[in-house]
Amino acid sequence: MQEAVFVNEYVKYFIATFLSYWNEPKQVRREKRYQKRAGRAAFSSRWFGLLPWALRQLFYKK
């Protein structure tokens, strides 16, 4: 019985989240998406940490 209550609450949360997203204007959703992308680190840093930076520093000394 406890699992059914949990699933029911999850479905309510999912529907509420989806509807709040759906009711936002398209421009607001687009702005949120661009801000989220701008805040992320570069792909190489995200996946490989400092290794790409260290290799660049090693091979491209000025």
PDB file of N, CA and C in Angstrom:
ATOM      1  N   MET A   1       0.825  -1.195   0.000  1.00  0.00           N
ATOM      2  CA  MET A   1       0.000   0.000   0.000  1.00  0.00           C
ATOM      3  C   MET A   1       0.861   1.247   0.000  1.00  0.00           C
ATOM      4  N   GLN A   2       1.976   1.189   0.690  1.00  0.00           N
ATOM      5  CA  GLN A   2       2.871   2.346   0.786  1.00  0.00           C
ATOM      6  C   GLN A   2       3.440   2.714  -0.588  1.00  0.00           C
ATOM      7  N   GLU A   3       3.713   1.716  -1.429  1.00  0.00           N
ATOM      8  CA  GLU A   3       4.255   1.974  -2.752  1.00  0.00           C
ATOM      9  C   GLU A   3       3.252   2.715  -3.623  1.00  0.00           C
ATOM     10  N   ALA A   4       1.979   2.388  -3.494  1.00  0.00           N
ATOM     11  CA  ALA A   4       0.953   3.043  -4.294  1.00  0.00           C
ATOM     12  C   ALA A   4       0.864   4.519  -3.943  1.00  0.00           C
ATOM     13  N   VAL A   5       1.017   4.857  -2.678  1.00  0.00           N
ATOM     14  CA  VAL A   5       0.987   6.255  -2.259  1.00  0.00           C
ATOM     15  C   VAL A   5       2.180   6.994  -2.846  1.00  0.00           C
ATOM     16  N   PHE A   6       3.348   6.363  -2.829  1.00  0.00           N
ATOM     17  CA  PHE A   6       4.551   6.978  -3.370  1.00  0.00           C
ATOM     18  C   PHE A   6       4.407   7.234  -4.867  1.00  0.00           C
ATOM     19  N   VAL A   7       3.892   6.253  -5.596  1.00  0.00           N
ATOM     20  CA  VAL A   7       3.708   6.402  -7.038  1.00  0.00           C
ATOM     21  C   VAL A   7       2.695   7.493  -7.315  1.00  0.00           C
ATOM     22  N   ASN A   8       1.637   7.548  -6.550  1.00  0.00           N
ATOM     23  CA  ASN A   8       0.619   8.562  -6.732  1.00  0.00           C
ATOM     24  C   ASN A   8       1.212   9.958  -6.518  1.00  0.00           C
ATOM     25  N   GLU A   9       2.020  10.133  -5.488  1.00  0.00           N
ATOM     26  CA  GLU A   9       2.656  11.425  -5.229  1.00  0.00           C
ATOM     27  C   GLU A   9       3.620  11.786  -6.345  1.00  0.00           C
ATOM     28  N   TYR A  10       4.339  10.800  -6.842  1.00  0.00           N
ATOM     29  CA  TYR A  10       5.282  11.046  -7.927  1.00  0.00           C
ATOM     30  C   TYR A  10       4.546  11.491  -9.185  1.00  0.00           C
ATOM     31  N   VAL A  11       3.432  10.843  -9.485  1.00  0.00           N
ATOM     32  CA  VAL A  11       2.648  11.214 -10.661  1.00  0.00           C
ATOM     33  C   VAL A  11       2.118  12.641 -10.506  1.00  0.00           C
ATOM     34  N   LYS A  12       1.646  12.990  -9.325  1.00  0.00           N
ATOM     35  CA  LYS A  12       1.169  14.358  -9.083  1.00  0.00           C
ATOM     36  C   LYS A  12       2.291  15.370  -9.287  1.00  0.00           C
ATOM     37  N   TYR A  13       3.485  15.069  -8.758  1.00  0.00           N
ATOM     38  CA  TYR A  13       4.628  15.968  -8.914  1.00  0.00           C
ATOM     39  C   TYR A  13       5.008  16.109 -10.387  1.00  0.00           C
ATOM     40  N   PHE A  14       5.054  14.981 -11.093  1.00  0.00           N
ATOM     41  CA  PHE A  14       5.417  15.006 -12.503  1.00  0.00           C
ATOM     42  C   PHE A  14       4.428  15.827 -13.316  1.00  0.00           C
ATOM     43  N   ILE A  15       3.151  15.640 -13.081  1.00  0.00           N
ATOM     44  CA  ILE A  15       2.131  16.379 -13.825  1.00  0.00           C
ATOM     45  C   ILE A  15       2.209  17.865 -13.506  1.00  0.00           C
ATOM     46  N   ALA A  16       2.392  18.215 -12.234  1.00  0.00           N
ATOM     47  CA  ALA A  16       2.499  19.631 -11.860  1.00  0.00           C
ATOM     48  C   ALA A  16       3.716  20.275 -12.510  1.00  0.00           C
ATOM     49  N   THR A  17       4.841  19.570 -12.521  1.00  0.00           N
ATOM     50  CA  THR A  17       6.046  20.101 -13.148  1.00  0.00           C
ATOM     51  C   THR A  17       5.854  20.265 -14.645  1.00  0.00           C
ATOM     52  N   PHE A  18       5.275  19.275 -15.270  1.00  0.00           N
ATOM     53  CA  PHE A  18       5.045  19.336 -16.710  1.00  0.00           C
ATOM     54  C   PHE A  18       4.101  20.478 -17.069  1.00  0.00           C
ATOM     55  N   LEU A  19       3.037  20.634 -16.312  1.00  0.00           N
ATOM     56  CA  LEU A  19       2.082  21.698 -16.620  1.00  0.00           C
ATOM     57  C   LEU A  19       2.676  23.083 -16.390  1.00  0.00           C
ATOM     58  N   SER A  20       3.520  23.230 -15.368  1.00  0.00           N
ATOM     59  CA  SER A  20       4.147  24.540 -15.161  1.00  0.00           C
ATOM     60  C   SER A  20       5.090  24.857 -16.316  1.00  0.00           C
ATOM     61  N   TYR A  21       5.781  23.849 -16.835  1.00  0.00           N
ATOM     62  CA  TYR A  21       6.640  24.044 -18.004  1.00  0.00           C
ATOM     63  C   TYR A  21       5.799  24.362 -19.235  1.00  0.00           C
ATOM     64  N   TRP A  22       4.730  23.633 -19.417  1.00  0.00           N
ATOM     65  CA  TRP A  22       3.877  23.783 -20.594  1.00  0.00           C
ATOM     66  C   TRP A  22       3.208  25.162 -20.631  1.00  0.00           C
ATOM     67  N   ASN A  23       2.867  25.716 -19.461  1.00  0.00           N
ATOM     68  CA  ASN A  23       2.167  26.999 -19.406  1.00  0.00           C
ATOM     69  C   ASN A  23       3.090  28.197 -19.566  1.00  0.00           C
ATOM     70  N   GLU A  24       4.404  28.000 -19.523  1.00  0.00           N
ATOM     71  CA  GLU A  24       5.330  29.107 -19.743  1.00  0.00           C
ATOM     72  C   GLU A  24       5.353  29.471 -21.222  1.00  0.00           C
ATOM     73  N   PRO A  25       5.528  30.741 -21.514  1.00  0.00           N
ATOM     74  CA  PRO A  25       5.663  31.122 -22.928  1.00  0.00           C
ATOM     75  C   PRO A  25       6.924  30.506 -23.544  1.00  0.00           C
ATOM     76  N   LYS A  26       6.875  30.311 -24.839  1.00  0.00           N
ATOM     77  CA  LYS A  26       7.981  29.667 -25.538  1.00  0.00           C
ATOM     78  C   LYS A  26       9.269  30.470 -25.388  1.00  0.00           C
ATOM     79  N   GLN A  27       9.182  31.772 -25.408  1.00  0.00           N
ATOM     80  CA  GLN A  27      10.370  32.619 -25.288  1.00  0.00           C
ATOM     81  C   GLN A  27      11.037  32.452 -23.918  1.00  0.00           C
ATOM     82  N   VAL A  28      10.244  32.319 -22.861  1.00  0.00           N
ATOM     83  CA  VAL A  28      10.793  32.135 -21.508  1.00  0.00           C
ATOM     84  C   VAL A  28      11.509  30.796 -21.425  1.00  0.00           C
ATOM     85  N   ARG A  29      10.927  29.749 -21.993  1.00  0.00           N
ATOM     86  CA  ARG A  29      11.571  28.433 -21.999  1.00  0.00           C
ATOM     87  C   ARG A  29      12.887  28.484 -22.764  1.00  0.00           C
ATOM     88  N   ARG A  30      12.885  29.189 -23.883  1.00  0.00           N
ATOM     89  CA  ARG A  30      14.098  29.309 -24.692  1.00  0.00           C
ATOM     90  C   ARG A  30      15.195  30.057 -23.931  1.00  0.00           C
ATOM     91  N   GLU A  31      14.841  31.135 -23.234  1.00  0.00           N
ATOM     92  CA  GLU A  31      15.817  31.899 -22.453  1.00  0.00           C
ATOM     93  C   GLU A  31      16.420  31.048 -21.331  1.00  0.00           C
ATOM     94  N   LYS A  32      15.575  30.275 -20.645  1.00  0.00           N
ATOM     95  CA  LYS A  32      16.078  29.394 -19.589  1.00  0.00           C
ATOM     96  C   LYS A  32      17.071  28.392 -20.146  1.00  0.00           C
ATOM     97  N   ARG A  33      16.764  27.844 -21.306  1.00  0.00           N
ATOM     98  CA  ARG A  33      17.639  26.858 -21.929  1.00  0.00           C
ATOM     99  C   ARG A  33      18.980  27.484 -22.303  1.00  0.00           C
ATOM    100  N   TYR A  34      18.975  28.701 -22.863  1.00  0.00           N
ATOM    101  CA  TYR A  34      20.222  29.363 -23.230  1.00  0.00           C
ATOM    102  C   TYR A  34      21.049  29.728 -22.004  1.00  0.00           C
ATOM    103  N   GLN A  35      20.401  30.164 -20.937  1.00  0.00           N
ATOM    104  CA  GLN A  35      21.125  30.492 -19.708  1.00  0.00           C
ATOM    105  C   GLN A  35      21.752  29.239 -19.105  1.00  0.00           C
ATOM    106  N   LYS A  36      21.043  28.132 -19.171  1.00  0.00           N
ATOM    107  CA  LYS A  36      21.570  26.875 -18.645  1.00  0.00           C
ATOM    108  C   LYS A  36      22.811  26.447 -19.427  1.00  0.00           C
ATOM    109  N   ARG A  37      22.766  26.589 -20.750  1.00  0.00           N
ATOM    110  CA  ARG A  37      23.911  26.232 -21.584  1.00  0.00           C
ATOM    111  C   ARG A  37      25.096  27.154 -21.331  1.00  0.00           C
ATOM    112  N   ALA A  38      24.834  28.432 -21.153  1.00  0.00           N
ATOM    113  CA  ALA A  38      25.915  29.400 -20.960  1.00  0.00           C
ATOM    114  C   ALA A  38      26.634  29.170 -19.633  1.00  0.00           C
ATOM    115  N   GLY A  39      25.955  28.647 -18.646  1.00  0.00           N
ATOM    116  CA  GLY A  39      26.547  28.425 -17.338  1.00  0.00           C
ATOM    117  C   GLY A  39      27.410  27.185 -17.251  1.00  0.00           C
ATOM    118  N   ARG A  40      27.345  26.323 -18.252  1.00  0.00           N
ATOM    119  CA  ARG A  40      28.107  25.075 -18.222  1.00  0.00           C
ATOM    120  C   ARG A  40      29.548  25.299 -18.650  1.00  0.00           C
ATOM    121  N   ALA A  41      30.416  24.426 -18.185  1.00  0.00           N
ATOM    122  CA  ALA A  41      31.808  24.436 -18.619  1.00  0.00           C
ATOM    123  C   ALA A  41      31.892  23.814 -20.016  1.00  0.00           C
ATOM    124  N   ALA A  42      33.040  23.945 -20.634  1.00  0.00           N
ATOM    125  CA  ALA A  42      33.243  23.379 -21.962  1.00  0.00           C
ATOM    126  C   ALA A  42      33.112  21.859 -21.918  1.00  0.00           C
ATOM    127  N   PHE A  43      32.818  21.279 -23.049  1.00  0.00           N
ATOM    128  CA  PHE A  43      32.610  19.833 -23.133  1.00  0.00           C
ATOM    129  C   PHE A  43      33.834  19.058 -22.646  1.00  0.00           C
ATOM    130  N   SER A  44      35.008  19.471 -23.106  1.00  0.00           N
ATOM    131  CA  SER A  44      36.220  18.732 -22.728  1.00  0.00           C
ATOM    132  C   SER A  44      36.460  18.807 -21.226  1.00  0.00           C
ATOM    133  N   SER A  45      36.199  19.937 -20.625  1.00  0.00           N
ATOM    134  CA  SER A  45      36.394  20.071 -19.174  1.00  0.00           C
ATOM    135  C   SER A  45      35.349  19.276 -18.402  1.00  0.00           C
ATOM    136  N   ARG A  46      34.144  19.268 -18.912  1.00  0.00           N
ATOM    137  CA  ARG A  46      33.073  18.541 -18.241  1.00  0.00           C
ATOM    138  C   ARG A  46      33.348  17.047 -18.220  1.00  0.00           C
ATOM    139  N   TRP A  47      33.859  16.511 -19.304  1.00  0.00           N
ATOM    140  CA  TRP A  47      34.042  15.077 -19.403  1.00  0.00           C
ATOM    141  C   TRP A  47      35.400  14.590 -18.931  1.00  0.00           C
ATOM    142  N   PHE A  48      36.426  15.421 -19.080  1.00  0.00           N
ATOM    143  CA  PHE A  48      37.767  14.938 -18.791  1.00  0.00           C
ATOM    144  C   PHE A  48      38.492  15.748 -17.724  1.00  0.00           C
ATOM    145  N   GLY A  49      37.851  16.714 -17.115  1.00  0.00           N
ATOM    146  CA  GLY A  49      38.449  17.480 -16.031  1.00  0.00           C
ATOM    147  C   GLY A  49      39.572  18.383 -16.493  1.00  0.00           C
ATOM    148  N   LEU A  50      40.651  18.405 -15.762  1.00  0.00           N
ATOM    149  CA  LEU A  50      41.776  19.291 -16.066  1.00  0.00           C
ATOM    150  C   LEU A  50      42.752  18.704 -17.077  1.00  0.00           C
ATOM    151  N   LEU A  51      42.582  17.474 -17.484  1.00  0.00           N
ATOM    152  CA  LEU A  51      43.519  16.833 -18.400  1.00  0.00           C
ATOM    153  C   LEU A  51      43.667  17.596 -19.722  1.00  0.00           C
ATOM    154  N   PRO A  52      42.603  17.993 -20.411  1.00  0.00           N
ATOM    155  CA  PRO A  52      42.782  18.741 -21.660  1.00  0.00           C
ATOM    156  C   PRO A  52      43.524  20.061 -21.443  1.00  0.00           C
ATOM    157  N   TRP A  53      43.212  20.740 -20.365  1.00  0.00           N
ATOM    158  CA  TRP A  53      43.896  22.007 -20.068  1.00  0.00           C
ATOM    159  C   TRP A  53      45.382  21.776 -19.829  1.00  0.00           C
ATOM    160  N   ALA A  54      45.717  20.743 -19.073  1.00  0.00           N
ATOM    161  CA  ALA A  54      47.113  20.437 -18.780  1.00  0.00           C
ATOM    162  C   ALA A  54      47.875  20.088 -20.059  1.00  0.00           C
ATOM    163  N   LEU A  55      47.264  19.322 -20.936  1.00  0.00           N
ATOM    164  CA  LEU A  55      47.921  18.975 -22.197  1.00  0.00           C
ATOM    165  C   LEU A  55      48.122  20.202 -23.072  1.00  0.00           C
ATOM    166  N   ARG A  56      47.134  21.082 -23.118  1.00  0.00           N
ATOM    167  CA  ARG A  56      47.289  22.325 -23.882  1.00  0.00           C
ATOM    168  C   ARG A  56      48.442  23.163 -23.332  1.00  0.00           C
ATOM    169  N   GLN A  57      48.510  23.264 -22.008  1.00  0.00           N
ATOM    170  CA  GLN A  57      49.586  24.027 -21.391  1.00  0.00           C
ATOM    171  C   GLN A  57      50.945  23.396 -21.686  1.00  0.00           C
ATOM    172  N   LEU A  58      50.989  22.098 -21.740  1.00  0.00           N
ATOM    173  CA  LEU A  58      52.240  21.385 -21.981  1.00  0.00           C
ATOM    174  C   LEU A  58      52.738  21.612 -23.400  1.00  0.00           C
ATOM    175  N   PHE A  59      51.840  21.517 -24.368  1.00  0.00           N
ATOM    176  CA  PHE A  59      52.250  21.572 -25.770  1.00  0.00           C
ATOM    177  C   PHE A  59      52.247  22.975 -26.362  1.00  0.00           C
ATOM    178  N   TYR A  60      51.521  23.905 -25.797  1.00  0.00           N
ATOM    179  CA  TYR A  60      51.419  25.242 -26.380  1.00  0.00           C
ATOM    180  C   TYR A  60      51.999  26.292 -25.470  1.00  0.00           C
ATOM    181  N   LYS A  61      53.190  26.092 -25.024  1.00  0.00           N
ATOM    182  CA  LYS A  61      53.840  27.091 -24.177  1.00  0.00           C
ATOM    183  C   LYS A  61      54.251  28.283 -25.025  1.00  0.00           C
ATOM    184  N   LYS A  62      54.106  29.456 -24.481  1.00  0.00           N
ATOM    185  CA  LYS A  62      54.490  30.661 -25.218  1.00  0.00           C
ATOM    186  C   LYS A  62      55.768  31.213 -24.696  1.00  0.00           C
TER     187      LYS A  62
END
